[in-house]
N, C-alpha and C. Protein backbone atom coordinates (compact mmCIF):
# COMPACT_ATOMS: atom_id res chain seq x y z
N MET A 1 0.16 -6.73 -16.53
CA MET A 1 -0.99 -6.91 -15.43
C MET A 1 -1.49 -5.13 -15.18
N ALA A 2 -2.82 -5.20 -15.69
CA ALA A 2 -3.09 -4.25 -15.67
C ALA A 2 -3.12 -3.41 -14.39
N ALA A 3 -3.13 -1.79 -14.47
CA ALA A 3 -3.37 -1.48 -12.98
C ALA A 3 -4.65 -1.01 -13.04
N LYS A 4 -5.18 -1.30 -11.68
CA LYS A 4 -6.49 -1.26 -11.05
C LYS A 4 -6.23 0.01 -10.55
N SER A 5 -8.28 0.69 -10.08
CA SER A 5 -8.24 1.76 -8.49
C SER A 5 -8.18 1.10 -7.81
N LEU A 6 -8.52 2.03 -7.02
CA LEU A 6 -9.06 1.79 -5.59
C LEU A 6 -9.47 2.67 -4.69
N SER A 7 -10.40 3.18 -4.63
CA SER A 7 -10.86 4.51 -3.89
C SER A 7 -10.41 4.60 -1.95
N ILE A 8 -9.69 5.21 -1.39
CA ILE A 8 -10.04 4.64 0.63
C ILE A 8 -10.60 6.12 0.56
N ARG A 9 -10.86 6.33 1.64
CA ARG A 9 -11.56 7.70 2.96
C ARG A 9 -10.26 7.39 3.41
N ILE A 10 -9.76 8.77 3.90
CA ILE A 10 -8.83 9.04 4.86
C ILE A 10 -8.76 10.40 5.27
N ASP A 11 -8.87 11.04 6.65
CA ASP A 11 -9.25 12.05 7.38
C ASP A 11 -7.54 12.93 7.00
N ASP A 12 -8.09 14.48 6.77
CA ASP A 12 -7.32 15.40 6.28
C ASP A 12 -5.95 15.04 7.22
N GLU A 13 -5.82 15.31 8.07
CA GLU A 13 -4.43 14.95 9.00
C GLU A 13 -3.56 13.80 8.53
N MET A 14 -4.34 12.53 8.61
CA MET A 14 -3.47 11.69 7.88
C MET A 14 -2.78 11.89 6.34
N LEU A 15 -3.74 12.43 5.79
CA LEU A 15 -3.30 12.61 4.46
C LEU A 15 -2.16 13.25 4.41
N ASN A 16 -2.38 14.53 5.43
CA ASN A 16 -0.90 15.64 5.35
C ASN A 16 0.08 14.94 5.73
N LYS A 17 -0.06 14.73 6.59
CA LYS A 17 0.97 13.48 7.17
C LYS A 17 1.84 12.49 6.13
N LEU A 18 0.46 11.59 5.37
CA LEU A 18 1.19 10.74 4.17
C LEU A 18 1.93 11.90 3.66
N HIS A 19 1.65 12.86 2.78
CA HIS A 19 2.20 13.42 2.34
C HIS A 19 3.61 14.30 2.54
N VAL A 20 4.17 14.41 3.76
CA VAL A 20 4.67 14.87 4.43
C VAL A 20 6.10 13.24 4.20
N VAL A 21 5.63 12.58 4.35
CA VAL A 21 6.38 11.27 4.68
C VAL A 21 6.84 10.84 2.98
N ALA A 22 5.84 11.03 2.48
CA ALA A 22 5.83 11.10 1.15
C ALA A 22 7.48 11.58 0.01
N ASP A 23 6.84 12.86 0.56
CA ASP A 23 8.18 14.06 0.22
C ASP A 23 9.34 14.04 0.43
N TYR A 24 9.41 13.03 1.78
CA TYR A 24 10.50 13.55 2.12
C TYR A 24 11.41 11.92 1.81
N GLU A 25 10.53 11.00 1.35
CA GLU A 25 11.20 9.87 0.69
C GLU A 25 11.14 10.37 -1.03
N GLY A 26 10.85 11.50 -1.39
CA GLY A 26 11.24 11.69 -3.17
C GLY A 26 10.22 10.69 -3.39
N ARG A 27 9.18 10.50 -3.37
CA ARG A 27 7.51 10.06 -3.96
C ARG A 27 6.10 10.51 -3.90
N SER A 28 5.30 10.34 -4.80
CA SER A 28 3.98 10.36 -5.00
C SER A 28 3.85 10.09 -3.45
N ALA A 29 2.54 10.63 -3.51
CA ALA A 29 1.64 9.69 -2.14
C ALA A 29 0.95 8.27 -2.31
N ASN A 30 0.59 8.33 -3.78
CA ASN A 30 0.25 6.90 -4.31
C ASN A 30 1.65 5.95 -4.04
N SER A 31 2.38 6.42 -4.78
CA SER A 31 3.51 5.28 -4.50
C SER A 31 4.11 5.25 -3.06
N GLN A 32 3.73 5.88 -2.58
CA GLN A 32 3.88 5.85 -0.92
C GLN A 32 3.42 4.31 -0.43
N ILE A 33 1.80 4.64 -1.24
CA ILE A 33 0.93 3.78 -0.65
C ILE A 33 1.02 2.10 -0.95
N LEU A 34 1.64 2.56 -2.42
CA LEU A 34 1.73 1.29 -3.61
C LEU A 34 3.04 0.06 -2.37
N ILE A 35 4.13 1.21 -2.04
CA ILE A 35 5.08 0.98 -1.02
C ILE A 35 4.62 0.21 0.38
N LEU A 36 3.64 0.66 1.08
CA LEU A 36 3.25 0.27 2.34
C LEU A 36 2.72 -0.95 2.20
N ILE A 37 1.86 -1.05 0.52
CA ILE A 37 1.15 -2.47 0.91
C ILE A 37 1.86 -3.63 0.51
N ARG A 38 3.04 -3.09 -0.27
CA ARG A 38 4.23 -4.14 -0.91
C ARG A 38 4.55 -4.48 0.45
N ASP A 39 4.73 -3.98 1.27
CA ASP A 39 5.65 -3.94 2.50
C ASP A 39 4.84 -4.79 3.09
N CYS A 40 3.61 -4.72 3.59
CA CYS A 40 2.55 -5.32 3.97
C CYS A 40 2.47 -6.55 3.67
N ILE A 41 2.06 -6.83 2.54
CA ILE A 41 2.37 -8.09 1.70
C ILE A 41 3.51 -9.09 1.73
N GLU A 42 4.62 -8.69 2.12
CA GLU A 42 5.71 -9.17 2.65
C GLU A 42 5.86 -9.69 3.97
N THR A 43 5.68 -8.86 4.50
CA THR A 43 5.24 -9.43 6.43
C THR A 43 4.65 -10.49 6.10
N TYR A 44 3.28 -10.21 5.40
CA TYR A 44 2.27 -11.43 5.60
C TYR A 44 2.98 -12.65 5.16
N GLU A 45 3.62 -12.63 3.64
CA GLU A 45 4.02 -13.94 3.20
C GLU A 45 5.03 -14.58 4.06
N LYS A 46 6.03 -13.78 4.55
CA LYS A 46 7.08 -14.66 5.84
C LYS A 46 6.42 -15.14 6.61
N THR A 47 5.71 -14.55 7.35
CA THR A 47 4.62 -15.37 8.18
C THR A 47 3.49 -16.41 7.85
N HIS A 48 2.68 -16.26 7.06
CA HIS A 48 2.07 -17.16 6.67
C HIS A 48 2.03 -18.10 5.16
N GLY A 49 3.38 -17.54 4.82
CA GLY A 49 3.59 -18.58 3.03
C GLY A 49 2.94 -17.81 2.32
N LYS A 50 3.61 -17.75 1.13
CA LYS A 50 3.08 -17.08 -0.44
C LYS A 50 1.82 -17.18 -0.63
N ILE A 51 1.39 -15.97 -1.38
CA ILE A 51 0.02 -15.56 -1.21
C ILE A 51 0.07 -16.23 -3.06
N GLU A 52 -0.89 -17.00 -3.30
CA GLU A 52 -0.81 -17.82 -4.53
C GLU A 52 -1.76 -16.46 -5.38
N ARG A 53 -1.24 -16.62 -6.54
CA ARG A 53 -2.17 -15.29 -7.80
C ARG A 53 -3.94 -15.27 -7.67
N ASP A 54 -3.81 -16.63 -7.83
CA ASP A 54 -5.27 -16.63 -8.02
C ASP A 54 -6.14 -16.83 -6.54
N CYS A 55 -6.01 -16.72 -5.52
CA CYS A 55 -6.51 -16.96 -4.28
C CYS A 55 -7.68 -16.17 -3.88
N LYS A 56 -8.52 -16.23 -3.36
CA LYS A 56 -10.07 -15.45 -3.04
C LYS A 56 -9.35 -14.96 -1.29
N PRO A 57 -9.69 -13.63 -1.38
CA PRO A 57 -9.69 -13.09 0.39
C PRO A 57 -10.72 -14.14 1.09
N ARG A 58 -10.42 -14.09 2.22
CA ARG A 58 -12.11 -14.84 3.46
C ARG A 58 -12.35 -14.13 3.52
């Protein structure tokens, strides 16, 4: 699976706090965001069922 890029807008305070959390966890900010996304998807799938690979967003 190829890696894709995603740009987000984030205010300075939130970005600084993200860096603090990521540093505490021994991760980069990018890795921390990926973990948060993964956790969000896992939580969603526990409630709504597995997301199929070829599904489209609503």
